[in-house]
N, C-alpha and C. Protein backbone atom coordinates (compact mmCIF):
# COMPACT_ATOMS: atom_id res chain seq x y z
N MET A 1 152.05 73.12 148.70
CA MET A 1 152.53 71.54 149.75
C MET A 1 153.08 70.77 147.67
N GLU A 2 154.26 70.65 147.88
CA GLU A 2 154.90 69.50 147.12
C GLU A 2 154.91 68.37 147.03
N ILE A 3 154.61 67.01 145.81
CA ILE A 3 153.95 65.79 146.40
C ILE A 3 155.37 65.28 146.67
N PHE A 4 156.39 65.55 146.30
CA PHE A 4 158.05 64.89 146.52
C PHE A 4 158.56 65.96 147.25
N ASN A 5 158.74 65.63 148.38
CA ASN A 5 159.60 67.15 148.94
C ASN A 5 160.89 66.30 148.90
N GLN A 6 162.17 67.46 149.02
CA GLN A 6 163.79 67.08 149.13
C GLN A 6 164.19 65.93 149.59
N GLU A 7 163.36 65.26 151.06
CA GLU A 7 163.76 64.75 152.03
C GLU A 7 163.30 63.14 150.84
N VAL A 8 162.60 63.20 150.33
CA VAL A 8 161.97 61.47 149.78
C VAL A 8 162.58 61.47 149.17
N THR A 9 163.02 62.37 148.16
CA THR A 9 163.76 62.23 146.96
C THR A 9 165.04 62.07 147.05
N GLN A 10 165.69 62.30 148.00
CA GLN A 10 167.08 61.92 148.30
C GLN A 10 166.75 60.61 148.55
N GLU A 11 166.13 60.28 149.65
CA GLU A 11 165.57 58.60 150.19
C GLU A 11 165.57 57.97 149.13
N VAL A 12 165.15 58.33 148.28
CA VAL A 12 164.53 57.61 146.71
C VAL A 12 165.65 57.24 146.04
N ILE A 13 166.28 58.38 146.05
CA ILE A 13 167.94 57.89 144.91
C ILE A 13 169.02 57.37 145.88
N ARG A 14 168.59 57.71 146.80
CA ARG A 14 169.33 56.62 147.62
C ARG A 14 169.50 55.24 147.86
N LEU A 15 168.00 54.59 147.87
CA LEU A 15 167.34 53.69 148.10
C LEU A 15 167.51 52.91 146.52
N THR A 16 167.87 53.47 145.69
CA THR A 16 168.07 52.95 144.07
C THR A 16 169.00 53.42 143.37
N TRP A 17 169.11 54.32 142.78
CA TRP A 17 170.53 54.85 142.19
C TRP A 17 171.64 53.99 143.29
N ARG A 18 171.88 54.67 143.76
CA ARG A 18 173.27 54.48 144.51
C ARG A 18 173.16 53.15 145.73
N ASN A 19 171.85 52.18 144.94
CA ASN A 19 172.27 50.57 145.50
C ASN A 19 173.11 50.06 144.39
N PRO A 20 174.79 49.54 145.05
CA PRO A 20 174.97 48.46 144.01
C PRO A 20 173.83 47.53 143.32
N ALA A 21 173.31 46.96 144.10
CA ALA A 21 173.31 45.69 143.64
C ALA A 21 171.84 46.40 142.38
N PHE A 22 171.07 47.24 142.61
CA PHE A 22 170.18 47.58 141.96
C PHE A 22 170.60 48.26 140.43
N MET A 23 172.00 49.12 140.68
CA MET A 23 172.73 49.15 139.35
C MET A 23 173.57 48.52 138.92
N ALA A 24 173.95 47.21 139.33
CA ALA A 24 173.94 45.94 138.82
C ALA A 24 173.52 45.14 137.43
N ILE A 25 172.07 45.25 138.39
CA ILE A 25 170.93 45.04 137.19
C ILE A 25 170.74 45.90 135.95
N ALA A 26 170.36 47.32 136.61
CA ALA A 26 170.39 48.01 135.47
C ALA A 26 171.05 48.34 134.80
N ILE A 27 172.63 48.26 134.57
CA ILE A 27 173.68 48.33 133.50
C ILE A 27 173.62 47.21 132.62
N ALA A 28 173.15 45.38 133.68
CA ALA A 28 172.82 44.77 132.89
C ALA A 28 172.17 44.27 131.71
N LEU A 29 170.48 44.87 132.24
CA LEU A 29 169.57 45.12 131.49
C LEU A 29 169.85 46.01 130.32
N ILE A 30 170.38 47.20 130.12
CA ILE A 30 170.82 48.19 129.46
C ILE A 30 172.07 47.59 127.99
N TRP A 31 172.60 46.80 129.00
CA TRP A 31 173.19 46.15 127.93
C TRP A 31 173.02 44.78 127.05
N LEU A 32 171.63 44.22 128.00
CA LEU A 32 171.47 42.77 127.14
C LEU A 32 170.45 43.19 126.34
N ILE A 33 169.15 44.09 126.85
CA ILE A 33 168.37 44.16 125.92
C ILE A 33 168.64 44.39 124.22
N PRO A 34 169.43 45.39 124.49
CA PRO A 34 169.37 45.46 122.63
C PRO A 34 170.38 44.22 122.46
N GLN A 35 171.41 43.82 122.81
CA GLN A 35 172.06 42.47 122.36
C GLN A 35 170.91 41.29 121.78
N ILE A 36 169.39 41.59 122.62
CA ILE A 36 168.31 39.90 121.96
C ILE A 36 167.78 40.69 120.81
N PHE A 37 167.48 41.76 121.06
CA PHE A 37 166.89 42.18 120.16
C PHE A 37 167.81 42.41 118.41
N ILE A 38 169.22 42.51 118.57
CA ILE A 38 169.70 42.35 117.06
C ILE A 38 170.23 40.74 116.88
N ARG A 39 170.71 40.07 117.73
CA ARG A 39 170.56 38.71 117.63
C ARG A 39 169.33 38.21 117.05
N ARG A 40 168.46 38.41 117.24
CA ARG A 40 167.27 38.12 116.58
C ARG A 40 167.01 39.04 115.14
N ILE A 41 167.28 39.59 114.62
CA ILE A 41 167.49 40.26 112.91
C ILE A 41 168.62 39.98 112.84
N LEU A 42 169.50 39.43 113.45
CA LEU A 42 170.77 38.54 112.66
C LEU A 42 170.37 37.29 112.46
N THR A 43 169.40 36.71 113.58
CA THR A 43 169.07 35.57 113.51
C THR A 43 168.40 35.16 112.08
N ALA A 44 167.85 36.24 111.99
CA ALA A 44 166.62 35.61 110.91
C ALA A 44 167.27 36.16 109.08
N ASN A 45 168.01 37.32 109.28
CA ASN A 45 169.17 37.37 108.44
C ASN A 45 169.59 36.35 107.92
N TYR A 46 170.18 35.47 108.83
CA TYR A 46 171.13 34.30 108.69
C TYR A 46 170.40 33.22 107.79
N GLU A 47 169.21 32.98 108.60
CA GLU A 47 168.17 32.19 108.05
C GLU A 47 167.93 32.30 106.63
N LYS A 48 167.26 33.35 106.48
CA LYS A 48 166.90 33.86 104.92
C LYS A 48 168.03 33.64 103.97
N LYS A 49 169.23 33.65 104.39
CA LYS A 49 169.97 34.13 103.00
C LYS A 49 170.51 32.87 103.16
N LYS A 50 170.45 31.53 104.08
CA LYS A 50 171.11 30.08 104.64
C LYS A 50 170.16 29.40 103.26
N LEU A 51 168.73 30.33 103.40
CA LEU A 51 167.46 29.29 102.35
C LEU A 51 167.67 29.67 100.89
N GLU A 52 167.80 31.00 100.80
CA GLU A 52 168.39 31.57 99.38
C GLU A 52 169.57 30.37 99.01
N LYS A 53 170.54 30.23 99.84
CA LYS A 53 171.96 29.52 98.84
C LYS A 53 171.39 28.26 98.82
N GLN A 54 171.09 27.65 99.71
CA GLN A 54 170.13 26.08 99.57
C GLN A 54 169.67 26.27 97.90
N LYS A 55 168.73 27.26 97.90
CA LYS A 55 167.73 27.23 96.60
C LYS A 55 168.49 27.37 95.41
N ASP A 56 169.72 28.22 95.55
CA ASP A 56 170.58 28.44 94.38
C ASP A 56 171.30 27.04 94.04
N LYS A 57 171.98 26.61 95.33
CA LYS A 57 172.81 25.20 95.03
C LYS A 57 171.59 24.23 94.22
N ILE A 58 170.37 23.94 94.90
CA ILE A 58 169.11 23.01 94.52
C ILE A 58 168.92 24.05 92.74
N GLY A 59 169.26 25.02 92.68
CA GLY A 59 168.73 25.53 91.13
C GLY A 59 169.69 24.96 89.94
N LYS A 60 171.30 25.23 90.28
CA LYS A 60 172.07 24.88 89.51
C LYS A 60 171.88 23.69 89.43
N LEU A 61 171.48 22.26 90.36
CA LEU A 61 171.31 21.25 89.97
C LEU A 61 170.71 20.65 88.94
N TYR A 62 169.27 21.66 89.43
CA TYR A 62 167.92 21.20 88.37
C TYR A 62 167.70 22.35 88.04
N PRO A 63 168.44 22.35 86.84
CA PRO A 63 167.68 23.76 85.70
C PRO A 63 166.87 23.62 85.16
N LYS A 64 165.93 25.11 85.21
CA LYS A 64 164.80 24.60 84.61
C LYS A 64 165.00 24.94 82.92
N THR A 65 165.71 25.22 82.61
CA THR A 65 165.84 25.27 80.88
C THR A 65 166.80 24.08 80.31
N ILE A 66 165.63 23.65 79.11
CA ILE A 66 166.06 22.27 78.57
C ILE A 66 166.77 22.60 77.32
N LYS A 67 167.85 21.96 77.09
CA LYS A 67 169.05 22.34 76.07
C LYS A 67 168.34 22.06 75.13
């Protein structure tokens, strides 16, 4: 005795994968989730570089060595 027979499997496929609304949401999630992670990484890198540039500019204004 199979847990999922052929009819049940076909019905599940018909209700999910062949449903246009479900597919639109699934494709949107597959498209958007990686973009969220990439954006977080890029934002963190941008902030880090921004702080480094700010420190460099301040360092040029107030040099540590006295001539």
